Amino acid sequence: MNNNNIENELDKYIIRQPIEILLSSKNGVNVGNLDGHKIYQLDKEITARKDEAILLYLKKCFVPFSFYCLADNQNNNKLDVRENSNTGATNSYTITIDNGNYAINDLLVDIKSKMVSNSNFNFNYSFVYVPATNKVSFILTGGHANDSVSLLFNTGTNKNKSICRLIGFDDTADITLPHNTTVKSTNVVDMADGLDSIHIKSDLIGENIRSTENSLTGGELLIIPVDLAPNSILYFNEFTPFKHRISLKSFKSIELNLTDNKDNTIDFNNVPYTFILLVEFIKDESSNITRDTRNLREENRIRTEQEKSNNSMFDMMVDRVNASNF
């Protein structure tokens, strides 16, 4: 067999069947206190051959909508308040809403109850949700003329855990409610507050490019939509998957972190979920480059030796001609 035939045999890639990985959250080990971030140890190490690269992607998943859209771990369950009396006295306090999935009217009732119970000036409130605009109207009804209350979305100590987005505001400014004056939310109500999708991140995936400024980077295996109501099962089946080529040649563990779009790890409240990943093996074209480089070096070595030999023969012929002239 000549060298060309040998090289052709070496270039032949032997195709392997994909490997399916079943990950049940019950078998993972928590990273931190929340069950949305786990490390899974595989029964066997997955290894690529020298001429292979590994592709990894999510094939299916079964995820319960057991998580809360308003929760301490979602950093959106607090409201800083300052009451301003017409006498010049003030009263500052923070209310904390219990973790849960709320209808907007139920949430407004809870906020009002906690604000009334914390008032030092017998303040009362009217909070009205308007379905036509998906906004909320706020009125300070108790107290006296020139009284007001400030919702400290921007300057409060719990700005980074504010409930503002759920009730139609953002954290760029505080909101003041003058006595008997209606103030409407600047934005529409967002009861999901970042949990309209689940970001599945893995330590095996390289950094993904995101188009928005200051957005999250890194490790996104896939983003799945949250398009059902709480207490449902989110079923995802990818027919045209995005396949990630990973840099590792082998691995025996997988770390998955399930987050919202603000990078908060999701708490599934210990209700199990399941992922089915698929590993595919493809020919690593860099192995051809390595072989071609090796062949080129060998050709250069042979060419150099040939040139040395030719130079030696030329020198001998010159010496003979010079000797014959004497």
C-alpha atoms as a PDB file:
ATOM      1  CA  MET A   1       0.000   0.000   0.000  1.00  0.00           C
ATOM      2  CA  ASN A   2       1.516   3.332  -1.059  1.00  0.00           C
ATOM      3  CA  ASN A   3       1.633   6.474   1.046  1.00  0.00           C
ATOM      4  CA  ASN A   4      -1.427   8.034  -0.632  1.00  0.00           C
ATOM      5  CA  ASN A   5      -3.538   4.997   0.180  1.00  0.00           C
ATOM      6  CA  ILE A   6      -2.309   5.046   3.769  1.00  0.00           C
ATOM      7  CA  GLU A   7      -3.231   8.716   4.108  1.00  0.00           C
ATOM      8  CA  ASN A   8      -6.696   8.043   2.597  1.00  0.00           C
ATOM      9  CA  GLU A   9      -7.268   5.305   5.150  1.00  0.00           C
ATOM     10  CA  LEU A  10      -6.221   7.634   7.956  1.00  0.00           C
ATOM     11  CA  ASP A  11      -8.582  10.337   6.676  1.00  0.00           C
ATOM     12  CA  LYS A  12     -11.608   8.055   6.905  1.00  0.00           C
ATOM     13  CA  TYR A  13     -13.787   9.046   9.896  1.00  0.00           C
ATOM     14  CA  ILE A  14     -15.685   6.256  11.630  1.00  0.00           C
ATOM     15  CA  ILE A  15     -19.103   7.624  12.575  1.00  0.00           C
ATOM     16  CA  ARG A  16     -20.348   6.968  16.114  1.00  0.00           C
ATOM     17  CA  GLN A  17     -23.904   6.895  17.401  1.00  0.00           C
ATOM     18  CA  PRO A  18     -25.078   9.801  19.622  1.00  0.00           C
ATOM     19  CA  ILE A  19     -25.257   9.340  23.390  1.00  0.00           C
ATOM     20  CA  GLU A  20     -28.385  10.346  25.300  1.00  0.00           C
ATOM     21  CA  ILE A  21     -27.992  11.798  28.790  1.00  0.00           C
ATOM     22  CA  LEU A  22     -30.962  11.722  31.173  1.00  0.00           C
ATOM     23  CA  LEU A  23     -30.662  14.217  34.036  1.00  0.00           C
ATOM     24  CA  SER A  24     -33.197  14.112  36.850  1.00  0.00           C
ATOM     25  CA  SER A  25     -33.025  16.913  39.395  1.00  0.00           C
ATOM     26  CA  LYS A  26     -33.478  14.312  42.140  1.00  0.00           C
ATOM     27  CA  ASN A  27     -30.012  12.961  41.283  1.00  0.00           C
ATOM     28  CA  GLY A  28     -28.235  16.310  41.171  1.00  0.00           C
ATOM     29  CA  VAL A  29     -26.355  17.998  43.998  1.00  0.00           C
ATOM     30  CA  ASN A  30     -27.429  21.541  44.855  1.00  0.00           C
ATOM     31  CA  VAL A  31     -24.998  24.408  44.339  1.00  0.00           C
ATOM     32  CA  GLY A  32     -26.098  26.781  47.081  1.00  0.00           C
ATOM     33  CA  ASN A  33     -29.529  26.716  48.692  1.00  0.00           C
ATOM     34  CA  LEU A  34     -31.748  26.671  45.602  1.00  0.00           C
ATOM     35  CA  ASP A  35     -32.648  23.564  43.618  1.00  0.00           C
ATOM     36  CA  GLY A  36     -32.399  25.336  40.260  1.00  0.00           C
ATOM     37  CA  HIS A  37     -28.591  25.079  40.339  1.00  0.00           C
ATOM     38  CA  LYS A  38     -27.174  21.551  40.421  1.00  0.00           C
ATOM     39  CA  ILE A  39     -24.187  19.396  39.501  1.00  0.00           C
ATOM     40  CA  TYR A  40     -24.833  15.975  37.961  1.00  0.00           C
ATOM     41  CA  GLN A  41     -22.313  13.135  38.029  1.00  0.00           C
ATOM     42  CA  LEU A  42     -22.578  10.783  35.042  1.00  0.00           C
ATOM     43  CA  ASP A  43     -22.326   6.999  35.354  1.00  0.00           C
ATOM     44  CA  LYS A  44     -19.639   6.867  32.667  1.00  0.00           C
ATOM     45  CA  GLU A  45     -17.230   9.419  31.289  1.00  0.00           C
ATOM     46  CA  ILE A  46     -18.034  10.676  27.798  1.00  0.00           C
ATOM     47  CA  THR A  47     -14.876  10.828  25.714  1.00  0.00           C
ATOM     48  CA  ALA A  48     -14.141  11.869  22.150  1.00  0.00           C
ATOM     49  CA  ARG A  49     -11.455  10.189  20.078  1.00  0.00           C
ATOM     50  CA  LYS A  50      -8.433  12.175  18.949  1.00  0.00           C
ATOM     51  CA  ASP A  51     -10.058  12.833  15.567  1.00  0.00           C
ATOM     52  CA  GLU A  52     -13.417  13.879  17.093  1.00  0.00           C
ATOM     53  CA  ALA A  53     -15.138  16.913  18.572  1.00  0.00           C
ATOM     54  CA  ILE A  54     -18.210  16.865  20.816  1.00  0.00           C
ATOM     55  CA  LEU A  55     -21.552  18.540  20.126  1.00  0.00           C
ATOM     56  CA  LEU A  56     -23.977  18.993  23.041  1.00  0.00           C
ATOM     57  CA  TYR A  57     -27.594  20.136  22.977  1.00  0.00           C
ATOM     58  CA  LEU A  58     -30.886  19.948  24.825  1.00  0.00           C
ATOM     59  CA  LYS A  59     -33.313  17.502  23.231  1.00  0.00           C
ATOM     60  CA  LYS A  60     -36.240  17.530  25.686  1.00  0.00           C
ATOM     61  CA  CYS A  61     -37.147  18.787  29.121  1.00  0.00           C
ATOM     62  CA  PHE A  62     -39.999  18.543  31.589  1.00  0.00           C
ATOM     63  CA  VAL A  63     -40.037  21.499  33.975  1.00  0.00           C
ATOM     64  CA  PRO A  64     -42.742  22.189  36.568  1.00  0.00           C
ATOM     65  CA  PHE A  65     -44.086  25.705  37.001  1.00  0.00           C
ATOM     66  CA  SER A  66     -43.597  25.274  40.735  1.00  0.00           C
ATOM     67  CA  PHE A  67     -41.423  28.369  41.114  1.00  0.00           C
ATOM     68  CA  TYR A  68     -42.649  31.758  42.318  1.00  0.00           C
ATOM     69  CA  CYS A  69     -42.450  34.849  40.131  1.00  0.00           C
ATOM     70  CA  LEU A  70     -42.462  37.020  43.258  1.00  0.00           C
ATOM     71  CA  ALA A  71     -39.926  35.728  45.734  1.00  0.00           C
ATOM     72  CA  ASP A  72     -36.954  36.631  47.858  1.00  0.00           C
ATOM     73  CA  ASN A  73     -34.626  34.714  45.525  1.00  0.00           C
ATOM     74  CA  GLN A  74     -36.105  36.651  42.576  1.00  0.00           C
ATOM     75  CA  ASN A  75     -35.109  39.892  44.348  1.00  0.00           C
ATOM     76  CA  ASN A  76     -38.538  41.495  43.902  1.00  0.00           C
ATOM     77  CA  ASN A  77     -40.521  41.159  47.151  1.00  0.00           C
ATOM     78  CA  LYS A  78     -39.845  44.400  49.052  1.00  0.00           C
ATOM     79  CA  LEU A  79     -41.191  47.956  49.057  1.00  0.00           C
ATOM     80  CA  ASP A  80     -39.522  50.871  50.870  1.00  0.00           C
ATOM     81  CA  VAL A  81     -42.010  53.531  52.013  1.00  0.00           C
ATOM     82  CA  ARG A  82     -41.704  56.976  53.623  1.00  0.00           C
ATOM     83  CA  GLU A  83     -44.770  58.693  55.065  1.00  0.00           C
ATOM     84  CA  ASN A  84     -44.612  62.502  55.056  1.00  0.00           C
ATOM     85  CA  SER A  85     -46.927  64.244  57.553  1.00  0.00           C
ATOM     86  CA  ASN A  86     -48.060  67.852  57.099  1.00  0.00           C
ATOM     87  CA  THR A  87     -46.420  68.536  60.487  1.00  0.00           C
ATOM     88  CA  GLY A  88     -43.014  67.720  59.007  1.00  0.00           C
ATOM     89  CA  ALA A  89     -42.727  64.339  60.726  1.00  0.00           C
ATOM     90  CA  THR A  90     -41.844  61.276  58.663  1.00  0.00           C
ATOM     91  CA  ASN A  91     -42.158  57.518  59.086  1.00  0.00           C
ATOM     92  CA  SER A  92     -40.014  55.146  57.035  1.00  0.00           C
ATOM     93  CA  TYR A  93     -40.519  51.385  56.821  1.00  0.00           C
ATOM     94  CA  THR A  94     -40.158  48.406  54.513  1.00  0.00           C
ATOM     95  CA  ILE A  95     -42.847  45.863  53.696  1.00  0.00           C
ATOM     96  CA  THR A  96     -42.031  42.336  52.559  1.00  0.00           C
ATOM     97  CA  ILE A  97     -44.462  40.312  50.460  1.00  0.00           C
ATOM     98  CA  ASP A  98     -44.602  36.559  51.010  1.00  0.00           C
ATOM     99  CA  ASN A  99     -43.240  34.421  48.165  1.00  0.00           C
ATOM    100  CA  GLY A 100     -45.911  33.391  45.684  1.00  0.00           C
ATOM    101  CA  ASN A 101     -47.617  33.725  42.308  1.00  0.00           C
ATOM    102  CA  TYR A 102     -50.163  36.503  42.702  1.00  0.00           C
ATOM    103  CA  ALA A 103     -53.046  37.873  40.714  1.00  0.00           C
ATOM    104  CA  ILE A 104     -52.571  41.629  40.553  1.00  0.00           C
ATOM    105  CA  ASN A 105     -55.660  42.427  42.652  1.00  0.00           C
ATOM    106  CA  ASP A 106     -54.580  40.033  45.402  1.00  0.00           C
ATOM    107  CA  LEU A 107     -51.128  41.590  45.401  1.00  0.00           C
ATOM    108  CA  LEU A 108     -52.543  45.110  45.723  1.00  0.00           C
ATOM    109  CA  VAL A 109     -54.725  44.030  48.669  1.00  0.00           C
ATOM    110  CA  ASP A 110     -51.658  42.622  50.436  1.00  0.00           C
ATOM    111  CA  ILE A 111     -49.555  45.744  49.788  1.00  0.00           C
ATOM    112  CA  LYS A 112     -52.329  48.037  51.023  1.00  0.00           C
ATOM    113  CA  SER A 113     -52.884  45.983  54.178  1.00  0.00           C
ATOM    114  CA  LYS A 114     -49.185  46.069  55.091  1.00  0.00           C
ATOM    115  CA  MET A 115     -48.871  49.812  54.400  1.00  0.00           C
ATOM    116  CA  VAL A 116     -51.931  50.641  56.520  1.00  0.00           C
ATOM    117  CA  SER A 117     -50.703  48.519  59.416  1.00  0.00           C
ATOM    118  CA  ASN A 118     -47.285  50.248  59.334  1.00  0.00           C
ATOM    119  CA  SER A 119     -48.648  53.801  59.197  1.00  0.00           C
ATOM    120  CA  ASN A 120     -47.938  56.211  62.055  1.00  0.00           C
ATOM    121  CA  PHE A 121     -50.396  58.817  60.703  1.00  0.00           C
ATOM    122  CA  ASN A 122     -53.534  56.742  60.043  1.00  0.00           C
ATOM    123  CA  PHE A 123     -52.880  56.816  56.292  1.00  0.00           C
ATOM    124  CA  ASN A 124     -55.211  54.777  54.093  1.00  0.00           C
ATOM    125  CA  TYR A 125     -55.045  53.946  50.412  1.00  0.00           C
ATOM    126  CA  SER A 126     -57.018  53.046  47.329  1.00  0.00           C
ATOM    127  CA  PHE A 127     -55.176  50.844  44.839  1.00  0.00           C
ATOM    128  CA  VAL A 128     -57.174  50.049  41.694  1.00  0.00           C
ATOM    129  CA  TYR A 129     -56.102  47.827  38.802  1.00  0.00           C
ATOM    130  CA  VAL A 130     -57.422  48.926  35.394  1.00  0.00           C
ATOM    131  CA  PRO A 131     -57.593  45.895  33.043  1.00  0.00           C
ATOM    132  CA  ALA A 132     -58.068  48.030  29.914  1.00  0.00           C
ATOM    133  CA  THR A 133     -54.630  49.594  30.329  1.00  0.00           C
ATOM    134  CA  ASN A 134     -53.007  46.908  32.500  1.00  0.00           C
ATOM    135  CA  LYS A 135     -51.964  49.689  34.878  1.00  0.00           C
ATOM    136  CA  VAL A 136     -52.645  50.586  38.520  1.00  0.00           C
ATOM    137  CA  SER A 137     -54.054  53.803  40.046  1.00  0.00           C
ATOM    138  CA  PHE A 138     -52.768  54.778  43.517  1.00  0.00           C
ATOM    139  CA  ILE A 139     -54.466  57.262  45.886  1.00  0.00           C
ATOM    140  CA  LEU A 140     -53.560  58.317  49.424  1.00  0.00           C
ATOM    141  CA  THR A 141     -57.046  58.650  50.947  1.00  0.00           C
ATOM    142  CA  GLY A 142     -56.331  58.898  54.689  1.00  0.00           C
ATOM    143  CA  GLY A 143     -54.501  61.576  56.622  1.00  0.00           C
ATOM    144  CA  HIS A 144     -54.774  65.334  56.082  1.00  0.00           C
ATOM    145  CA  ALA A 145     -54.139  67.932  53.438  1.00  0.00           C
ATOM    146  CA  ASN A 146     -50.468  68.329  52.469  1.00  0.00           C
ATOM    147  CA  ASP A 147     -49.720  64.800  53.655  1.00  0.00           C
ATOM    148  CA  SER A 148     -47.959  62.520  51.153  1.00  0.00           C
ATOM    149  CA  VAL A 149     -46.311  59.148  50.908  1.00  0.00           C
ATOM    150  CA  SER A 150     -43.208  58.278  48.886  1.00  0.00           C
ATOM    151  CA  LEU A 151     -42.578  54.873  47.339  1.00  0.00           C
ATOM    152  CA  LEU A 152     -38.770  54.673  47.360  1.00  0.00           C
ATOM    153  CA  PHE A 153     -38.154  52.643  44.208  1.00  0.00           C
ATOM    154  CA  ASN A 154     -34.880  54.452  43.496  1.00  0.00           C
ATOM    155  CA  THR A 155     -33.439  55.659  46.816  1.00  0.00           C
ATOM    156  CA  GLY A 156     -34.720  52.935  49.143  1.00  0.00           C
ATOM    157  CA  THR A 157     -32.294  50.572  50.839  1.00  0.00           C
ATOM    158  CA  ASN A 158     -34.015  47.655  49.078  1.00  0.00           C
ATOM    159  CA  LYS A 159     -33.857  49.120  45.568  1.00  0.00           C
ATOM    160  CA  ASN A 160     -32.303  45.902  44.248  1.00  0.00           C
ATOM    161  CA  LYS A 161     -35.128  43.798  45.724  1.00  0.00           C
ATOM    162  CA  SER A 162     -37.987  46.124  44.809  1.00  0.00           C
ATOM    163  CA  ILE A 163     -41.482  45.016  43.819  1.00  0.00           C
ATOM    164  CA  CYS A 164     -41.722  48.032  41.503  1.00  0.00           C
ATOM    165  CA  ARG A 165     -41.859  46.221  38.139  1.00  0.00           C
ATOM    166  CA  LEU A 166     -44.739  43.990  39.184  1.00  0.00           C
ATOM    167  CA  ILE A 167     -46.949  46.986  39.943  1.00  0.00           C
ATOM    168  CA  GLY A 168     -45.983  49.021  36.887  1.00  0.00           C
ATOM    169  CA  PHE A 169     -42.956  51.135  37.877  1.00  0.00           C
ATOM    170  CA  ASP A 170     -39.185  50.929  37.469  1.00  0.00           C
ATOM    171  CA  ASP A 171     -36.304  51.784  39.785  1.00  0.00           C
ATOM    172  CA  THR A 172     -35.171  54.968  38.049  1.00  0.00           C
ATOM    173  CA  ALA A 173     -37.205  57.320  40.266  1.00  0.00           C
ATOM    174  CA  ASP A 174     -39.147  57.468  43.528  1.00  0.00           C
ATOM    175  CA  ILE A 175     -42.899  58.012  43.291  1.00  0.00           C
ATOM    176  CA  THR A 176     -44.779  60.445  45.567  1.00  0.00           C
ATOM    177  CA  LEU A 177     -48.518  60.123  46.244  1.00  0.00           C
ATOM    178  CA  PRO A 178     -49.968  63.487  47.328  1.00  0.00           C
ATOM    179  CA  HIS A 179     -53.080  63.465  49.492  1.00  0.00           C
ATOM    180  CA  ASN A 180     -56.255  62.602  47.500  1.00  0.00           C
ATOM    181  CA  THR A 181     -54.419  62.730  44.169  1.00  0.00           C
ATOM    182  CA  THR A 182     -54.462  59.827  41.699  1.00  0.00           C
ATOM    183  CA  VAL A 183     -51.081  58.600  40.508  1.00  0.00           C
ATOM    184  CA  LYS A 184     -51.013  56.016  37.723  1.00  0.00           C
ATOM    185  CA  SER A 185     -48.246  53.492  37.176  1.00  0.00           C
ATOM    186  CA  THR A 186     -45.850  54.570  34.444  1.00  0.00           C
ATOM    187  CA  ASN A 187     -45.584  51.093  32.943  1.00  0.00           C
ATOM    188  CA  VAL A 188     -47.914  48.146  32.517  1.00  0.00           C
ATOM    189  CA  VAL A 189     -48.111  45.521  35.231  1.00  0.00           C
ATOM    190  CA  ASP A 190     -45.600  42.673  34.814  1.00  0.00           C
ATOM    191  CA  MET A 191     -46.475  39.802  37.130  1.00  0.00           C
ATOM    192  CA  ALA A 192     -43.820  37.543  35.574  1.00  0.00           C
ATOM    193  CA  ASP A 193     -41.002  40.070  36.191  1.00  0.00           C
ATOM    194  CA  GLY A 194     -38.282  38.316  34.264  1.00  0.00           C
ATOM    195  CA  LEU A 195     -39.664  34.803  34.408  1.00  0.00           C
ATOM    196  CA  ASP A 196     -41.237  34.743  30.972  1.00  0.00           C
ATOM    197  CA  SER A 197     -38.418  32.361  30.049  1.00  0.00           C
ATOM    198  CA  ILE A 198     -35.939  30.027  31.722  1.00  0.00           C
ATOM    199  CA  HIS A 199     -32.239  30.341  30.864  1.00  0.00           C
ATOM    200  CA  ILE A 200     -30.509  26.952  31.076  1.00  0.00           C
ATOM    201  CA  LYS A 201     -26.801  27.536  31.641  1.00  0.00           C
ATOM    202  CA  SER A 202     -24.037  24.948  31.706  1.00  0.00           C
ATOM    203  CA  ASP A 203     -20.365  24.902  32.648  1.00  0.00           C
ATOM    204  CA  LEU A 204     -19.646  22.949  29.450  1.00  0.00           C
ATOM    205  CA  ILE A 205     -20.836  25.710  27.132  1.00  0.00           C
ATOM    206  CA  GLY A 206     -18.606  28.614  26.155  1.00  0.00           C
ATOM    207  CA  GLU A 207     -19.679  32.238  26.394  1.00  0.00           C
ATOM    208  CA  ASN A 208     -22.568  33.148  24.101  1.00  0.00           C
ATOM    209  CA  ILE A 209     -22.757  36.576  22.494  1.00  0.00           C
ATOM    210  CA  ARG A 210     -25.736  38.685  23.562  1.00  0.00           C
ATOM    211  CA  SER A 211     -26.779  41.713  21.550  1.00  0.00           C
ATOM    212  CA  THR A 212     -27.983  44.030  24.320  1.00  0.00           C
ATOM    213  CA  GLU A 213     -25.693  46.278  26.329  1.00  0.00           C
ATOM    214  CA  ASN A 214     -24.868  45.067  29.860  1.00  0.00           C
ATOM    215  CA  SER A 215     -26.678  41.780  29.203  1.00  0.00           C
ATOM    216  CA  LEU A 216     -25.695  38.468  30.713  1.00  0.00           C
ATOM    217  CA  THR A 217     -23.058  36.341  29.029  1.00  0.00           C
ATOM    218  CA  GLY A 218     -21.847  32.850  29.320  1.00  0.00           C
ATOM    219  CA  GLY A 219     -22.862  29.260  29.205  1.00  0.00           C
ATOM    220  CA  GLU A 220     -26.384  29.312  27.797  1.00  0.00           C
ATOM    221  CA  LEU A 221     -27.385  25.864  26.630  1.00  0.00           C
ATOM    222  CA  LEU A 222     -30.871  27.051  25.679  1.00  0.00           C
ATOM    223  CA  ILE A 223     -33.690  29.440  26.618  1.00  0.00           C
ATOM    224  CA  ILE A 224     -37.138  27.892  27.001  1.00  0.00           C
ATOM    225  CA  PRO A 225     -40.362  29.936  27.158  1.00  0.00           C
ATOM    226  CA  VAL A 226     -42.658  30.038  30.170  1.00  0.00           C
ATOM    227  CA  ASP A 227     -45.961  30.066  28.296  1.00  0.00           C
ATOM    228  CA  LEU A 228     -48.253  28.282  30.763  1.00  0.00           C
ATOM    229  CA  ALA A 229     -49.907  29.174  34.060  1.00  0.00           C
ATOM    230  CA  PRO A 230     -48.427  28.347  37.478  1.00  0.00           C
ATOM    231  CA  ASN A 231     -48.717  24.721  38.612  1.00  0.00           C
ATOM    232  CA  SER A 232     -48.454  23.498  35.002  1.00  0.00           C
ATOM    233  CA  ILE A 233     -45.706  21.381  33.434  1.00  0.00           C
ATOM    234  CA  LEU A 234     -43.525  23.115  30.864  1.00  0.00           C
ATOM    235  CA  TYR A 235     -42.791  20.523  28.192  1.00  0.00           C
ATOM    236  CA  PHE A 236     -40.089  21.359  25.662  1.00  0.00           C
ATOM    237  CA  ASN A 237     -39.138  19.282  22.633  1.00  0.00           C
ATOM    238  CA  GLU A 238     -36.501  20.727  20.291  1.00  0.00           C
ATOM    239  CA  PHE A 239     -36.870  19.585  16.675  1.00  0.00           C
ATOM    240  CA  THR A 240     -34.196  21.863  15.191  1.00  0.00           C
ATOM    241  CA  PRO A 241     -31.700  22.182  18.027  1.00  0.00           C
ATOM    242  CA  PHE A 242     -28.800  24.574  18.281  1.00  0.00           C
ATOM    243  CA  LYS A 243     -25.797  22.308  18.802  1.00  0.00           C
ATOM    244  CA  HIS A 244     -22.939  23.589  20.938  1.00  0.00           C
ATOM    245  CA  ARG A 245     -19.424  22.456  20.109  1.00  0.00           C
ATOM    246  CA  ILE A 246     -17.668  22.157  23.444  1.00  0.00           C
ATOM    247  CA  SER A 247     -13.949  22.607  23.962  1.00  0.00           C
ATOM    248  CA  LEU A 248     -13.484  19.566  26.200  1.00  0.00           C
ATOM    249  CA  LYS A 249     -12.528  16.166  24.807  1.00  0.00           C
ATOM    250  CA  SER A 250     -14.154  14.370  27.743  1.00  0.00           C
ATOM    251  CA  PHE A 251     -16.419  15.034  30.739  1.00  0.00           C
ATOM    252  CA  LYS A 252     -18.053  13.080  33.546  1.00  0.00           C
ATOM    253  CA  SER A 253     -20.123  15.806  35.216  1.00  0.00           C
ATOM    254  CA  ILE A 254     -22.503  18.539  34.083  1.00  0.00           C
ATOM    255  CA  GLU A 255     -23.393  21.699  35.992  1.00  0.00           C
ATOM    256  CA  LEU A 256     -26.747  23.305  35.137  1.00  0.00           C
ATOM    257  CA  ASN A 257     -28.031  26.615  36.480  1.00  0.00           C
ATOM    258  CA  LEU A 258     -31.618  27.602  35.678  1.00  0.00           C
ATOM    259  CA  THR A 259     -32.099  31.372  35.902  1.00  0.00           C
ATOM    260  CA  ASP A 260     -34.482  34.149  34.938  1.00  0.00           C
ATOM    261  CA  ASN A 261     -33.399  36.899  32.539  1.00  0.00           C
ATOM    262  CA  LYS A 262     -31.804  38.843  35.426  1.00  0.00           C
ATOM    263  CA  ASP A 263     -29.541  35.911  36.298  1.00  0.00           C
ATOM    264  CA  ASN A 264     -31.449  34.973  39.472  1.00  0.00           C
ATOM    265  CA  THR A 265     -31.339  31.236  40.126  1.00  0.00           C
ATOM    266  CA  ILE A 266     -34.851  29.777  40.126  1.00  0.00           C
ATOM    267  CA  ASP A 267     -36.231  27.907  43.142  1.00  0.00           C
ATOM    268  CA  PHE A 268     -38.465  24.994  42.086  1.00  0.00           C
ATOM    269  CA  ASN A 269     -39.475  24.359  45.690  1.00  0.00           C
ATOM    270  CA  ASN A 270     -38.093  20.813  45.533  1.00  0.00           C
ATOM    271  CA  VAL A 271     -40.462  19.700  42.766  1.00  0.00           C
ATOM    272  CA  PRO A 272     -38.368  17.481  40.417  1.00  0.00           C
ATOM    273  CA  TYR A 273     -37.610  18.320  36.798  1.00  0.00           C
ATOM    274  CA  THR A 274     -35.957  16.369  33.978  1.00  0.00           C
ATOM    275  CA  PHE A 275     -33.616  17.156  31.091  1.00  0.00           C
ATOM    276  CA  ILE A 276     -32.630  14.946  28.169  1.00  0.00           C
ATOM    277  CA  LEU A 277     -29.371  16.021  26.533  1.00  0.00           C
ATOM    278  CA  LEU A 278     -27.807  14.570  23.427  1.00  0.00           C
ATOM    279  CA  VAL A 279     -24.096  14.198  22.732  1.00  0.00           C
ATOM    280  CA  GLU A 280     -22.977  13.873  19.125  1.00  0.00           C
ATOM    281  CA  PHE A 281     -19.483  13.187  17.809  1.00  0.00           C
ATOM    282  CA  ILE A 282     -18.183  14.840  14.648  1.00  0.00           C
ATOM    283  CA  LYS A 283     -14.911  14.706  12.783  1.00  0.00           C
ATOM    284  CA  ASP A 284     -12.457  17.229  14.188  1.00  0.00           C
ATOM    285  CA  GLU A 285     -11.028  18.921  11.114  1.00  0.00           C
ATOM    286  CA  SER A 286      -8.087  20.149  13.164  1.00  0.00           C
ATOM    287  CA  SER A 287      -6.805  16.561  13.129  1.00  0.00           C
ATOM    288  CA  ASN A 288      -6.430  16.892   9.334  1.00  0.00           C
ATOM    289  CA  ILE A 289      -4.526  20.112   9.795  1.00  0.00           C
ATOM    290  CA  THR A 290      -2.154  18.360  12.189  1.00  0.00           C
ATOM    291  CA  ARG A 291      -1.589  15.507   9.704  1.00  0.00           C
ATOM    292  CA  ASP A 292      -1.107  17.931   6.816  1.00  0.00           C
ATOM    293  CA  THR A 293       1.390  19.910   8.858  1.00  0.00           C
ATOM    294  CA  ARG A 294       3.282  16.745   9.672  1.00  0.00           C
ATOM    295  CA  ASN A 295       3.363  15.761   5.991  1.00  0.00           C
ATOM    296  CA  LEU A 296       4.541  19.223   4.977  1.00  0.00           C
ATOM    297  CA  ARG A 297       7.371  19.060   7.489  1.00  0.00           C
ATOM    298  CA  GLU A 298       8.391  15.670   6.120  1.00  0.00           C
ATOM    299  CA  GLU A 299       8.344  16.994   2.559  1.00  0.00           C
ATOM    300  CA  ASN A 300      10.477  19.971   3.584  1.00  0.00           C
ATOM    301  CA  ARG A 301      12.941  17.631   5.323  1.00  0.00           C
ATOM    302  CA  ILE A 302      13.274  15.448   2.218  1.00  0.00           C
ATOM    303  CA  ARG A 303      13.659  18.527  -0.005  1.00  0.00           C
ATOM    304  CA  THR A 304      16.381  19.914   2.281  1.00  0.00           C
ATOM    305  CA  GLU A 305      18.261  16.592   2.282  1.00  0.00           C
ATOM    306  CA  GLN A 306      17.986  16.425  -1.501  1.00  0.00           C
ATOM    307  CA  GLU A 307      19.359  19.949  -1.841  1.00  0.00           C
ATOM    308  CA  LYS A 308      22.278  19.067   0.443  1.00  0.00           C
ATOM    309  CA  SER A 309      23.003  15.984  -1.638  1.00  0.00           C
ATOM    310  CA  ASN A 310      22.869  17.961  -4.891  1.00  0.00           C
ATOM    311  CA  ASN A 311      25.183  20.609  -3.456  1.00  0.00           C
ATOM    312  CA  SER A 312      27.649  17.907  -2.379  1.00  0.00           C
ATOM    313  CA  MET A 313      27.673  16.361  -5.883  1.00  0.00           C
ATOM    314  CA  PHE A 314      28.209  19.795  -7.438  1.00  0.00           C
ATOM    315  CA  ASP A 315      31.147  20.473  -5.124  1.00  0.00           C
ATOM    316  CA  MET A 316      32.715  17.113  -6.063  1.00  0.00           C
ATOM    317  CA  MET A 317      32.393  17.860  -9.778  1.00  0.00           C
ATOM    318  CA  VAL A 318      34.003  21.281  -9.299  1.00  0.00           C
ATOM    319  CA  ASP A 319      36.885  19.692  -7.390  1.00  0.00           C
ATOM    320  CA  ARG A 320      37.475  17.148 -10.204  1.00  0.00           C
ATOM    321  CA  VAL A 321      37.518  19.851 -12.883  1.00  0.00           C
ATOM    322  CA  ASN A 322      39.984  21.886 -10.882  1.00  0.00           C
ATOM    323  CA  ALA A 323      42.227  18.823 -10.336  1.00  0.00           C
ATOM    324  CA  SER A 324      42.292  17.984 -14.053  1.00  0.00           C
ATOM    325  CA  ASN A 325      43.553  21.465 -14.931  1.00  0.00           C
ATOM    326  CA  PHE A 326      46.765  20.976 -12.967  1.00  0.00           C
END
